Amino acid sequence: MSGGRQFMALTAKQRSRRARIAAHASWANTADRQGRTASASASFLARFEKQVDPLGVLEPEVRKTMALHARRAYMLQLAERSAKARARAAGGDG
């Protein structure tokens, strides 16, 4: 092969490990963590604001408070599903 690099297929574990290394290296070079994730965080909260107030009739502070609770409930549901899956994998009942 002249001048080119030869690429080898990576296993799933190797790809995962390389991705984790890259992610940690990227975050190591990020001074403003909140700034980096601000857009995604705002979009995620907007999803719950639309869920709790689809017509946009509530006061902004009320809508935000309700959206924060909806987001918390969603995260707790994810945690519950994760715990059940781990328990099933370990042979328990969750």
N, C-alpha and C. Protein backbone atom coordinates (compact mmCIF):
# COMPACT_ATOMS: atom_id res chain seq x y z
N MET A 1 0.84 -1.18 0.00
CA MET A 1 0.00 0.00 0.00
C MET A 1 0.88 1.23 0.00
N SER A 2 0.75 2.06 -0.98
CA SER A 2 1.64 3.21 -1.05
C SER A 2 1.00 4.45 -0.43
N GLY A 3 1.62 4.93 0.63
CA GLY A 3 1.20 6.17 1.26
C GLY A 3 -0.08 6.11 2.07
N GLY A 4 -0.79 5.01 2.05
CA GLY A 4 -2.05 4.92 2.79
C GLY A 4 -1.86 4.18 4.09
N ARG A 5 -2.86 4.32 4.95
CA ARG A 5 -2.82 3.57 6.21
C ARG A 5 -3.74 2.39 6.08
N GLN A 6 -3.33 1.31 6.66
CA GLN A 6 -4.15 0.11 6.64
C GLN A 6 -5.02 0.10 7.90
N PHE A 7 -6.33 -0.07 7.71
CA PHE A 7 -7.26 -0.07 8.83
C PHE A 7 -7.69 -1.48 9.14
N MET A 8 -7.70 -1.80 10.41
CA MET A 8 -8.16 -3.11 10.85
C MET A 8 -9.54 -2.95 11.46
N ALA A 9 -10.35 -3.97 11.27
CA ALA A 9 -11.67 -3.95 11.88
C ALA A 9 -11.51 -4.04 13.40
N LEU A 10 -12.29 -3.26 14.10
CA LEU A 10 -12.23 -3.25 15.56
C LEU A 10 -13.41 -4.03 16.11
N THR A 11 -13.20 -4.64 17.25
CA THR A 11 -14.30 -5.32 17.93
C THR A 11 -15.17 -4.26 18.59
N ALA A 12 -16.34 -4.68 19.02
CA ALA A 12 -17.25 -3.76 19.71
C ALA A 12 -16.60 -3.22 20.98
N LYS A 13 -15.89 -4.06 21.70
CA LYS A 13 -15.22 -3.61 22.93
C LYS A 13 -14.13 -2.60 22.62
N GLN A 14 -13.38 -2.82 21.54
CA GLN A 14 -12.33 -1.87 21.18
C GLN A 14 -12.93 -0.52 20.77
N ARG A 15 -14.00 -0.55 19.98
CA ARG A 15 -14.65 0.70 19.58
C ARG A 15 -15.18 1.44 20.80
N SER A 16 -15.79 0.70 21.71
CA SER A 16 -16.33 1.31 22.93
C SER A 16 -15.22 1.95 23.75
N ARG A 17 -14.12 1.24 23.91
CA ARG A 17 -13.00 1.75 24.69
C ARG A 17 -12.42 3.01 24.04
N ARG A 18 -12.27 2.99 22.73
CA ARG A 18 -11.74 4.17 22.03
C ARG A 18 -12.69 5.36 22.14
N ALA A 19 -13.97 5.08 22.06
CA ALA A 19 -14.95 6.16 22.19
C ALA A 19 -14.91 6.77 23.59
N ARG A 20 -14.76 5.93 24.60
CA ARG A 20 -14.67 6.42 25.98
C ARG A 20 -13.42 7.27 26.17
N ILE A 21 -12.31 6.83 25.59
CA ILE A 21 -11.06 7.59 25.68
C ILE A 21 -11.26 8.96 25.03
N ALA A 22 -11.85 8.97 23.84
CA ALA A 22 -12.07 10.23 23.13
C ALA A 22 -13.00 11.16 23.90
N ALA A 23 -14.04 10.59 24.50
CA ALA A 23 -14.99 11.41 25.26
C ALA A 23 -14.31 12.04 26.47
N HIS A 24 -13.53 11.25 27.19
CA HIS A 24 -12.83 11.79 28.36
C HIS A 24 -11.80 12.84 27.95
N ALA A 25 -11.10 12.61 26.85
CA ALA A 25 -10.12 13.59 26.37
C ALA A 25 -10.82 14.89 25.99
N SER A 26 -11.97 14.77 25.34
CA SER A 26 -12.73 15.96 24.96
C SER A 26 -13.18 16.75 26.18
N TRP A 27 -13.73 16.05 27.18
CA TRP A 27 -14.18 16.74 28.40
C TRP A 27 -12.99 17.31 29.18
N ALA A 28 -11.84 16.69 29.08
CA ALA A 28 -10.65 17.21 29.76
C ALA A 28 -10.23 18.55 29.18
N ASN A 29 -10.61 18.81 27.94
CA ASN A 29 -10.26 20.07 27.27
C ASN A 29 -11.42 21.06 27.25
N THR A 30 -12.45 20.82 28.03
CA THR A 30 -13.62 21.69 28.07
C THR A 30 -13.66 22.42 29.41
N ALA A 31 -13.39 23.71 29.37
CA ALA A 31 -13.40 24.50 30.61
C ALA A 31 -14.83 24.85 31.03
N ASP A 32 -15.69 25.16 30.07
CA ASP A 32 -17.06 25.58 30.37
C ASP A 32 -18.01 24.42 30.09
N ARG A 33 -18.14 23.54 31.07
CA ARG A 33 -18.98 22.35 30.90
C ARG A 33 -20.44 22.71 30.70
N GLN A 34 -20.94 23.66 31.49
CA GLN A 34 -22.35 24.05 31.35
C GLN A 34 -22.60 24.70 29.99
N GLY A 35 -21.66 25.50 29.55
CA GLY A 35 -21.82 26.15 28.25
C GLY A 35 -21.86 25.13 27.12
N ARG A 36 -21.08 24.10 27.23
CA ARG A 36 -21.02 23.07 26.19
C ARG A 36 -22.34 22.31 26.08
N THR A 37 -23.02 22.12 27.20
CA THR A 37 -24.24 21.32 27.19
C THR A 37 -25.51 22.17 27.28
N ALA A 38 -25.38 23.49 27.31
CA ALA A 38 -26.54 24.36 27.53
C ALA A 38 -27.63 24.17 26.48
N SER A 39 -27.26 24.11 25.23
CA SER A 39 -28.24 23.98 24.16
C SER A 39 -29.02 22.67 24.28
N ALA A 40 -28.31 21.58 24.52
CA ALA A 40 -28.97 20.28 24.66
C ALA A 40 -29.86 20.24 25.89
N SER A 41 -29.40 20.82 26.99
CA SER A 41 -30.20 20.85 28.22
C SER A 41 -31.48 21.65 28.01
N ALA A 42 -31.37 22.78 27.34
CA ALA A 42 -32.55 23.61 27.08
C ALA A 42 -33.54 22.89 26.18
N SER A 43 -33.04 22.21 25.17
CA SER A 43 -33.91 21.46 24.26
C SER A 43 -34.61 20.32 24.99
N PHE A 44 -33.89 19.64 25.86
CA PHE A 44 -34.46 18.53 26.61
C PHE A 44 -35.57 19.04 27.53
N LEU A 45 -35.33 20.15 28.22
CA LEU A 45 -36.36 20.71 29.10
C LEU A 45 -37.56 21.19 28.28
N ALA A 46 -37.31 21.75 27.09
CA ALA A 46 -38.40 22.22 26.23
C ALA A 46 -39.34 21.08 25.88
N ARG A 47 -38.80 19.88 25.72
CA ARG A 47 -39.62 18.70 25.44
C ARG A 47 -40.66 18.52 26.55
N PHE A 48 -40.24 18.66 27.79
CA PHE A 48 -41.15 18.47 28.91
C PHE A 48 -42.08 19.67 29.09
N GLU A 49 -41.62 20.86 28.73
CA GLU A 49 -42.50 22.02 28.77
C GLU A 49 -43.66 21.85 27.80
N LYS A 50 -43.37 21.31 26.61
CA LYS A 50 -44.42 21.05 25.63
C LYS A 50 -45.36 19.95 26.12
N GLN A 51 -44.80 19.00 26.83
CA GLN A 51 -45.60 17.89 27.35
C GLN A 51 -46.60 18.38 28.40
N VAL A 52 -46.14 19.23 29.32
CA VAL A 52 -47.02 19.67 30.41
C VAL A 52 -47.91 20.85 30.02
N ASP A 53 -47.54 21.58 28.98
CA ASP A 53 -48.32 22.75 28.56
C ASP A 53 -48.32 22.85 27.04
N PRO A 54 -49.00 21.91 26.36
CA PRO A 54 -48.93 21.88 24.90
C PRO A 54 -49.49 23.15 24.23
N LEU A 55 -50.40 23.83 24.89
CA LEU A 55 -50.98 25.05 24.30
C LEU A 55 -50.23 26.31 24.69
N GLY A 56 -49.29 26.20 25.62
CA GLY A 56 -48.50 27.34 26.04
C GLY A 56 -49.29 28.40 26.78
N VAL A 57 -50.25 27.96 27.60
CA VAL A 57 -51.11 28.91 28.31
C VAL A 57 -50.67 29.19 29.74
N LEU A 58 -49.79 28.39 30.27
CA LEU A 58 -49.34 28.57 31.66
C LEU A 58 -48.32 29.70 31.77
N GLU A 59 -48.22 30.24 32.96
CA GLU A 59 -47.16 31.22 33.23
C GLU A 59 -45.81 30.52 33.07
N PRO A 60 -44.81 31.21 32.56
CA PRO A 60 -43.50 30.58 32.32
C PRO A 60 -42.91 29.87 33.54
N GLU A 61 -43.00 30.48 34.72
CA GLU A 61 -42.43 29.85 35.91
C GLU A 61 -43.19 28.58 36.30
N VAL A 62 -44.51 28.62 36.16
CA VAL A 62 -45.33 27.44 36.47
C VAL A 62 -45.00 26.32 35.49
N ARG A 63 -44.93 26.66 34.20
CA ARG A 63 -44.61 25.68 33.17
C ARG A 63 -43.23 25.07 33.42
N LYS A 64 -42.26 25.91 33.79
CA LYS A 64 -40.91 25.41 34.03
C LYS A 64 -40.88 24.47 35.23
N THR A 65 -41.58 24.84 36.31
CA THR A 65 -41.63 23.99 37.50
C THR A 65 -42.25 22.64 37.17
N MET A 66 -43.36 22.68 36.43
CA MET A 66 -44.03 21.43 36.05
C MET A 66 -43.13 20.59 35.14
N ALA A 67 -42.43 21.25 34.22
CA ALA A 67 -41.53 20.55 33.31
C ALA A 67 -40.39 19.89 34.07
N LEU A 68 -39.86 20.58 35.07
CA LEU A 68 -38.78 20.00 35.87
C LEU A 68 -39.26 18.74 36.59
N HIS A 69 -40.50 18.77 37.10
CA HIS A 69 -41.06 17.59 37.75
C HIS A 69 -41.29 16.47 36.73
N ALA A 70 -41.76 16.81 35.55
CA ALA A 70 -41.97 15.80 34.50
C ALA A 70 -40.64 15.17 34.10
N ARG A 71 -39.60 16.00 34.02
CA ARG A 71 -38.28 15.47 33.67
C ARG A 71 -37.77 14.54 34.77
N ARG A 72 -37.95 14.93 36.02
CA ARG A 72 -37.53 14.09 37.14
C ARG A 72 -38.28 12.75 37.12
N ALA A 73 -39.59 12.79 36.87
CA ALA A 73 -40.38 11.56 36.79
C ALA A 73 -39.87 10.67 35.66
N TYR A 74 -39.55 11.26 34.53
CA TYR A 74 -39.02 10.50 33.40
C TYR A 74 -37.70 9.82 33.76
N MET A 75 -36.82 10.55 34.40
CA MET A 75 -35.53 9.99 34.80
C MET A 75 -35.70 8.87 35.82
N LEU A 76 -36.63 9.03 36.75
CA LEU A 76 -36.89 7.98 37.73
C LEU A 76 -37.48 6.73 37.06
N GLN A 77 -38.31 6.93 36.04
CA GLN A 77 -38.84 5.79 35.29
C GLN A 77 -37.71 5.05 34.58
N LEU A 78 -36.78 5.80 33.99
CA LEU A 78 -35.62 5.16 33.35
C LEU A 78 -34.80 4.38 34.37
N ALA A 79 -34.60 4.96 35.55
CA ALA A 79 -33.84 4.28 36.60
C ALA A 79 -34.54 3.01 37.04
N GLU A 80 -35.86 3.06 37.15
CA GLU A 80 -36.63 1.88 37.54
C GLU A 80 -36.50 0.77 36.50
N ARG A 81 -36.61 1.14 35.23
CA ARG A 81 -36.46 0.14 34.16
C ARG A 81 -35.06 -0.46 34.16
N SER A 82 -34.06 0.38 34.40
CA SER A 82 -32.68 -0.09 34.45
C SER A 82 -32.47 -1.06 35.61
N ALA A 83 -33.02 -0.72 36.78
CA ALA A 83 -32.89 -1.59 37.95
C ALA A 83 -33.55 -2.94 37.71
N LYS A 84 -34.72 -2.92 37.08
CA LYS A 84 -35.42 -4.18 36.78
C LYS A 84 -34.61 -5.03 35.80
N ALA A 85 -34.03 -4.40 34.80
CA ALA A 85 -33.23 -5.13 33.82
C ALA A 85 -31.99 -5.73 34.48
N ARG A 86 -31.35 -4.98 35.37
CA ARG A 86 -30.18 -5.51 36.07
C ARG A 86 -30.57 -6.67 36.97
N ALA A 87 -31.71 -6.55 37.63
CA ALA A 87 -32.18 -7.63 38.51
C ALA A 87 -32.49 -8.88 37.70
N ARG A 88 -33.13 -8.70 36.54
CA ARG A 88 -33.41 -9.87 35.68
C ARG A 88 -32.12 -10.54 35.25
N ALA A 89 -31.14 -9.73 34.87
CA ALA A 89 -29.85 -10.27 34.42
C ALA A 89 -29.15 -11.02 35.54
N ALA A 90 -29.37 -10.57 36.79
CA ALA A 90 -28.73 -11.21 37.94
C ALA A 90 -29.57 -12.36 38.50
N GLY A 91 -30.74 -12.57 37.90
CA GLY A 91 -31.59 -13.66 38.36
C GLY A 91 -32.53 -13.29 39.49
N GLY A 92 -32.67 -12.00 39.78
CA GLY A 92 -33.58 -11.54 40.83
C GLY A 92 -34.91 -11.14 40.23
N ASP A 93 -35.74 -10.48 41.05
CA ASP A 93 -37.06 -10.08 40.56
C ASP A 93 -37.23 -8.57 40.44
N GLY A 94 -36.21 -7.80 40.80
CA GLY A 94 -36.25 -6.36 40.62
C GLY A 94 -36.89 -5.66 41.75
